[in-house]
Amino acid sequence: MEKSKKGKNRRVLGGVIIGIALLLAVGLTSLFIEKIPNGYVGVVYSPNGGVQEDTLGQGWHLVGLFDKVTVYPVRMQTVNYSNIQVATSDGKSVTIDFAYNYSIQPDKVVNVFNKFGPVEIEEIEGSYLRTRLWDAGRKAIAKYSVIDTYGEKSSEAAGDVQKIFAEDVRKLGFNVNNLTLGVPKPDKSTQAAIDKRVEAAQELERKQIELKIAKAEAAKKQIEAKGIADYNDNIKKSISKEVIQNKWIEKWDGKMPKATGSNQLIQLPIDEK
């Protein structure tokens, strides 16, 4: 009995030791394994050894005990910035929301790391990229009036902002496309001036439409009058002395007309040719 009890205790102790060993093994192994999410690339670095040139693709990877990894998106990302203030060509200050897509060239992620260090990509979006976009917006929007940014030139302005912004950050490894501008939000005085200008433009458009309608009505009446005149002229040309006489004969009942107050019949003249 005593031997059986000791054997059981040894088995329990052995199981505990194995479990602890497995936990330690898993814990130690996790220190050497790094998972790179789909659509990202990892840059491996260590405090003493610097940055490794070879990057990690998506999936699980073994790394050194003291190595660390910073990931960067190589798949398209969407960024939205709110309330960026820029000035228009007519000196009006407007606040605009921007949205754009970007990715990082896989062969440039090490360059990005060397410039910014081991920081999250969201921090780069909120600092460096936001500043570069503001600068591009300031340069591009300055060529357009405040009305242009509201109207049909808004897409053209967005294209100019994207061109400047994309060229600025491309050399570092960022690819930018599909940049859009939100509806500008001017101050109260600028909004009042815009409203007046819009009202004036609408009034001018209304008058132009009324003028076109009036011209169309006048042209219509002129055409109708010409048609009536041409019709009357054709009627006149088609009625001759012979036609009138023939019409009278067609309608005559064969009785000679009589005149009151005289015993003589009225003889109708008959043309003799």
Protein backbone atom coordinates (compact mmCIF):
# COMPACT_ATOMS: atom_id res chain seq x y z
CA MET A 1 0.00 0.00 0.00
CA GLU A 2 2.72 2.38 0.99
CA LYS A 3 4.71 1.59 -2.16
CA SER A 4 1.62 2.11 -4.33
CA LYS A 5 0.97 5.45 -2.72
CA LYS A 6 4.56 6.57 -3.26
CA GLY A 7 4.38 5.49 -6.92
CA LYS A 8 1.23 7.50 -7.43
CA ASN A 9 2.79 10.59 -5.87
CA ARG A 10 5.81 10.24 -8.12
CA ARG A 11 3.59 10.06 -11.20
CA VAL A 12 1.72 13.18 -10.13
CA LEU A 13 4.95 15.00 -9.45
CA GLY A 14 6.33 13.89 -12.81
CA GLY A 15 3.22 15.19 -14.57
CA VAL A 16 3.52 18.54 -12.83
CA ILE A 17 7.17 18.81 -13.81
CA ILE A 18 6.38 17.94 -17.43
CA GLY A 19 3.56 20.50 -17.51
CA ILE A 20 5.85 23.20 -16.14
CA ALA A 21 8.51 22.25 -18.66
CA LEU A 22 6.02 22.48 -21.49
CA LEU A 23 4.83 25.88 -20.32
CA LEU A 24 8.39 27.11 -20.09
CA ALA A 25 9.11 25.70 -23.54
CA VAL A 26 6.09 27.43 -25.02
CA GLY A 27 6.96 30.67 -23.27
CA LEU A 28 10.56 30.56 -24.44
CA THR A 29 9.53 29.61 -27.97
CA SER A 30 7.13 32.56 -28.15
CA LEU A 31 10.11 34.82 -27.52
CA PHE A 32 11.59 33.60 -30.79
CA ILE A 33 8.43 33.62 -32.93
CA GLU A 34 6.89 36.66 -34.61
CA LYS A 35 3.64 36.71 -36.61
CA ILE A 36 3.36 39.18 -39.52
CA PRO A 37 -0.28 39.98 -40.42
CA ASN A 38 -1.59 39.62 -43.96
CA GLY A 39 -0.75 42.69 -46.05
CA TYR A 40 2.19 43.76 -43.85
CA VAL A 41 5.96 43.47 -43.90
CA GLY A 42 8.13 43.29 -40.79
CA VAL A 43 11.45 45.03 -40.20
CA VAL A 44 13.70 43.20 -37.74
CA TYR A 45 16.00 45.18 -35.48
CA SER A 46 17.81 44.83 -32.17
CA PRO A 47 19.04 47.45 -29.70
CA ASN A 48 22.67 46.48 -30.29
CA GLY A 49 22.73 44.86 -33.71
CA GLY A 50 20.94 47.52 -35.75
CA VAL A 51 18.45 46.85 -38.56
CA GLN A 52 18.39 43.73 -40.68
CA GLU A 53 18.11 44.30 -44.42
CA ASP A 54 15.99 41.19 -44.93
CA THR A 55 12.35 41.84 -44.09
CA LEU A 56 9.66 39.39 -42.98
CA GLY A 57 6.64 38.61 -45.11
CA GLN A 58 3.25 37.59 -43.78
CA GLY A 59 3.11 34.50 -41.57
CA TRP A 60 5.09 33.06 -38.64
CA HIS A 61 8.86 33.66 -38.36
CA LEU A 62 11.69 32.75 -35.99
CA VAL A 63 13.66 35.74 -34.73
CA GLY A 64 16.51 36.24 -32.30
CA LEU A 65 15.88 36.36 -28.59
CA PHE A 66 16.56 40.08 -28.36
CA ASP A 67 15.25 41.00 -31.81
CA LYS A 68 12.17 43.18 -32.21
CA VAL A 69 9.90 43.67 -35.21
CA THR A 70 8.03 46.73 -36.54
CA VAL A 71 5.39 46.08 -39.19
CA TYR A 72 4.42 48.32 -42.13
CA PRO A 73 1.44 48.02 -44.51
CA VAL A 74 2.18 47.04 -48.10
CA ARG A 75 -1.54 46.60 -48.78
CA MET A 76 -3.73 49.65 -49.47
CA GLN A 77 -4.69 51.65 -46.38
CA THR A 78 -7.28 54.44 -46.09
CA VAL A 79 -6.60 57.56 -44.03
CA ASN A 80 -9.01 60.36 -43.15
CA TYR A 81 -7.97 63.78 -41.84
CA SER A 82 -10.50 66.26 -40.48
CA ASN A 83 -10.37 70.04 -40.20
CA ILE A 84 -7.20 70.93 -42.11
CA GLN A 85 -7.06 74.69 -42.65
CA VAL A 86 -5.80 76.15 -45.93
CA ALA A 87 -6.13 79.49 -47.71
CA THR A 88 -7.62 80.07 -51.18
CA SER A 89 -6.37 82.36 -53.93
CA ASP A 90 -8.78 85.11 -52.83
CA GLY A 91 -7.41 85.06 -49.29
CA LYS A 92 -10.24 83.09 -47.70
CA SER A 93 -9.46 80.57 -44.98
CA VAL A 94 -11.34 77.30 -45.32
CA THR A 95 -11.32 74.07 -43.36
CA ILE A 96 -11.31 70.90 -45.46
CA ASP A 97 -11.48 67.18 -44.71
CA PHE A 98 -9.13 64.97 -46.72
CA ALA A 99 -9.19 61.24 -47.44
CA TYR A 100 -6.63 59.18 -49.36
CA ASN A 101 -5.29 55.68 -49.88
CA TYR A 102 -1.66 54.71 -49.46
CA SER A 103 0.69 51.76 -49.18
CA ILE A 104 4.42 51.39 -48.63
CA GLN A 105 6.68 49.87 -51.27
CA PRO A 106 7.95 46.53 -49.84
CA ASP A 107 11.55 47.32 -50.79
CA LYS A 108 11.37 50.70 -49.02
CA VAL A 109 10.13 49.66 -45.57
CA VAL A 110 13.69 49.61 -44.20
CA ASN A 111 14.10 53.21 -45.36
CA VAL A 112 10.90 54.13 -43.53
CA PHE A 113 12.18 52.45 -40.37
CA ASN A 114 15.54 54.20 -40.62
CA LYS A 115 13.78 57.58 -40.84
CA PHE A 116 11.17 57.17 -38.12
CA GLY A 117 12.53 54.40 -35.90
CA PRO A 118 10.40 51.75 -34.17
CA VAL A 119 7.11 53.68 -34.14
CA GLU A 120 3.65 52.44 -35.10
CA ILE A 121 2.42 53.29 -38.60
CA GLU A 122 -0.57 55.15 -37.09
CA GLU A 123 1.87 57.58 -35.50
CA ILE A 124 3.50 58.21 -38.89
CA GLU A 125 0.04 58.79 -40.42
CA GLY A 126 -0.87 61.29 -37.73
CA SER A 127 2.38 63.24 -37.81
CA TYR A 128 4.59 63.05 -40.88
CA LEU A 129 1.97 62.18 -43.50
CA ARG A 130 -0.55 64.67 -42.08
CA THR A 131 2.04 67.45 -42.18
CA ARG A 132 3.06 66.63 -45.77
CA LEU A 133 -0.59 66.55 -46.84
CA TRP A 134 -1.25 69.91 -45.20
CA ASP A 135 1.71 71.38 -47.08
CA ALA A 136 0.46 69.91 -50.37
CA GLY A 137 -3.05 71.22 -49.69
CA ARG A 138 -1.70 74.67 -48.84
CA LYS A 139 0.23 74.87 -52.12
CA ALA A 140 -2.52 73.44 -54.34
CA ILE A 141 -5.61 75.15 -52.88
CA ALA A 142 -3.83 78.51 -53.04
CA LYS A 143 -4.37 78.41 -56.83
CA TYR A 144 -8.17 78.21 -56.53
CA SER A 145 -10.80 80.65 -55.32
CA VAL A 146 -13.13 79.67 -52.52
CA ILE A 147 -15.96 79.28 -55.05
CA ASP A 148 -13.79 76.96 -57.15
CA THR A 149 -13.28 74.63 -54.19
CA TYR A 150 -17.07 74.38 -53.87
CA GLY A 151 -17.89 73.95 -57.54
CA GLU A 152 -16.84 71.98 -60.56
CA LYS A 153 -13.13 72.63 -59.96
CA SER A 154 -13.10 70.78 -56.64
CA SER A 155 -12.04 67.52 -58.34
CA GLU A 156 -9.30 69.41 -60.20
CA ALA A 157 -8.07 70.86 -56.90
CA ALA A 158 -8.07 67.38 -55.36
CA GLY A 159 -5.97 66.13 -58.27
CA ASP A 160 -3.44 68.91 -57.71
CA VAL A 161 -3.21 68.15 -53.99
CA GLN A 162 -2.69 64.45 -54.70
CA LYS A 163 0.01 65.15 -57.28
CA ILE A 164 2.05 67.34 -54.92
CA PHE A 165 1.50 65.05 -51.93
CA ALA A 166 2.30 61.82 -53.81
CA GLU A 167 5.49 63.21 -55.33
CA ASP A 168 6.60 64.49 -51.93
CA VAL A 169 6.29 61.16 -50.06
CA ARG A 170 7.07 58.76 -52.93
CA LYS A 171 10.82 59.12 -52.54
CA LEU A 172 10.51 57.74 -49.01
CA GLY A 173 8.48 54.75 -50.20
CA PHE A 174 4.82 55.80 -49.83
CA ASN A 175 2.43 55.28 -52.75
CA VAL A 176 -0.60 57.63 -52.56
CA ASN A 177 -3.76 57.61 -54.71
CA ASN A 178 -7.52 58.28 -54.68
CA LEU A 179 -7.27 61.51 -52.71
CA THR A 180 -10.58 63.32 -52.20
CA LEU A 181 -11.62 66.64 -50.69
CA GLY A 182 -14.55 67.10 -48.38
CA VAL A 183 -16.91 70.07 -48.66
CA PRO A 184 -14.97 73.18 -47.54
CA LYS A 185 -16.11 74.79 -44.30
CA PRO A 186 -15.47 78.55 -44.43
CA ASP A 187 -15.87 81.09 -41.63
CA LYS A 188 -19.14 83.03 -41.26
CA SER A 189 -18.14 86.08 -43.32
CA THR A 190 -16.82 83.91 -46.14
CA GLN A 191 -19.98 81.79 -46.06
CA ALA A 192 -22.13 84.92 -46.33
CA ALA A 193 -20.13 86.11 -49.35
CA ILE A 194 -20.46 82.67 -50.95
CA ASP A 195 -24.22 82.65 -50.39
CA LYS A 196 -24.60 86.04 -52.07
CA ARG A 197 -22.52 84.96 -55.02
CA VAL A 198 -24.48 81.75 -55.37
CA GLU A 199 -27.76 83.68 -55.25
CA ALA A 200 -26.47 86.11 -57.91
CA ALA A 201 -25.40 83.20 -60.11
CA GLN A 202 -28.80 81.56 -59.69
CA GLU A 203 -30.58 84.82 -60.55
CA LEU A 204 -28.41 85.26 -63.64
CA GLU A 205 -29.15 81.69 -64.69
CA ARG A 206 -32.88 82.28 -64.19
CA LYS A 207 -32.79 85.42 -66.36
CA GLN A 208 -30.82 83.62 -69.04
CA ILE A 209 -33.40 80.85 -69.07
CA GLU A 210 -36.23 83.39 -69.30
CA LEU A 211 -34.44 85.13 -72.18
CA LYS A 212 -34.03 81.85 -74.01
CA ILE A 213 -37.72 81.11 -73.51
CA ALA A 214 -38.70 84.57 -74.78
CA LYS A 215 -36.49 84.17 -77.84
CA ALA A 216 -37.97 80.76 -78.51
CA GLU A 217 -41.53 82.14 -78.20
CA ALA A 218 -40.71 85.05 -80.52
CA ALA A 219 -39.16 82.71 -83.06
CA LYS A 220 -42.23 80.48 -82.84
CA LYS A 221 -44.60 83.41 -83.44
CA GLN A 222 -42.47 84.62 -86.32
CA ILE A 223 -42.61 81.19 -87.91
CA GLU A 224 -46.37 81.01 -87.39
CA ALA A 225 -46.89 84.49 -88.88
CA LYS A 226 -44.77 83.62 -91.89
CA GLY A 227 -46.74 80.43 -92.36
CA ILE A 228 -50.06 82.32 -92.32
CA ALA A 229 -48.72 84.95 -94.73
CA ASP A 230 -47.43 82.28 -97.09
CA TYR A 231 -50.80 80.52 -96.92
CA ASN A 232 -52.74 83.70 -97.72
CA ASP A 233 -50.37 84.51 -100.54
CA ASN A 234 -50.88 81.05 -102.01
CA ILE A 235 -54.67 81.46 -101.77
CA LYS A 236 -54.52 84.78 -103.57
CA LYS A 237 -52.38 83.34 -106.30
CA SER A 238 -54.70 80.37 -106.74
CA ILE A 239 -57.92 82.48 -107.18
CA SER A 240 -58.43 83.76 -110.75
CA LYS A 241 -61.42 85.31 -112.57
CA GLU A 242 -62.20 81.98 -114.22
CA VAL A 243 -62.09 80.13 -110.90
CA ILE A 244 -64.49 82.59 -109.28
CA GLN A 245 -66.89 82.34 -112.25
CA ASN A 246 -66.69 78.56 -112.20
CA LYS A 247 -67.42 78.47 -108.48
CA TRP A 248 -70.47 80.69 -109.07
CA ILE A 249 -71.78 78.45 -111.81
CA GLU A 250 -71.32 75.37 -109.61
CA LYS A 251 -73.50 76.95 -106.95
CA TRP A 252 -76.17 78.50 -109.36
CA ASP A 253 -79.62 76.85 -109.13
CA GLY A 254 -80.60 77.75 -112.76
CA LYS A 255 -82.95 80.60 -111.82
CA MET A 256 -82.31 84.09 -113.05
CA PRO A 257 -82.17 86.61 -110.22
CA LYS A 258 -84.79 89.37 -110.18
CA ALA A 259 -84.45 92.91 -108.98
CA THR A 260 -87.24 94.58 -107.00
CA GLY A 261 -88.75 97.81 -108.37
CA SER A 262 -88.15 96.92 -112.02
CA ASN A 263 -89.86 94.73 -114.62
CA GLN A 264 -86.56 93.84 -116.21
CA LEU A 265 -84.47 90.87 -115.32
CA ILE A 266 -80.91 91.44 -114.31
CA GLN A 267 -78.66 89.88 -116.87
CA LEU A 268 -75.37 88.62 -115.56
CA PRO A 269 -72.48 89.61 -117.74
CA ILE A 270 -70.86 86.79 -119.59
CA ASP A 271 -67.31 87.29 -120.76
CA GLU A 272 -66.91 86.93 -124.42
CA LYS A 273 -63.58 85.94 -125.59
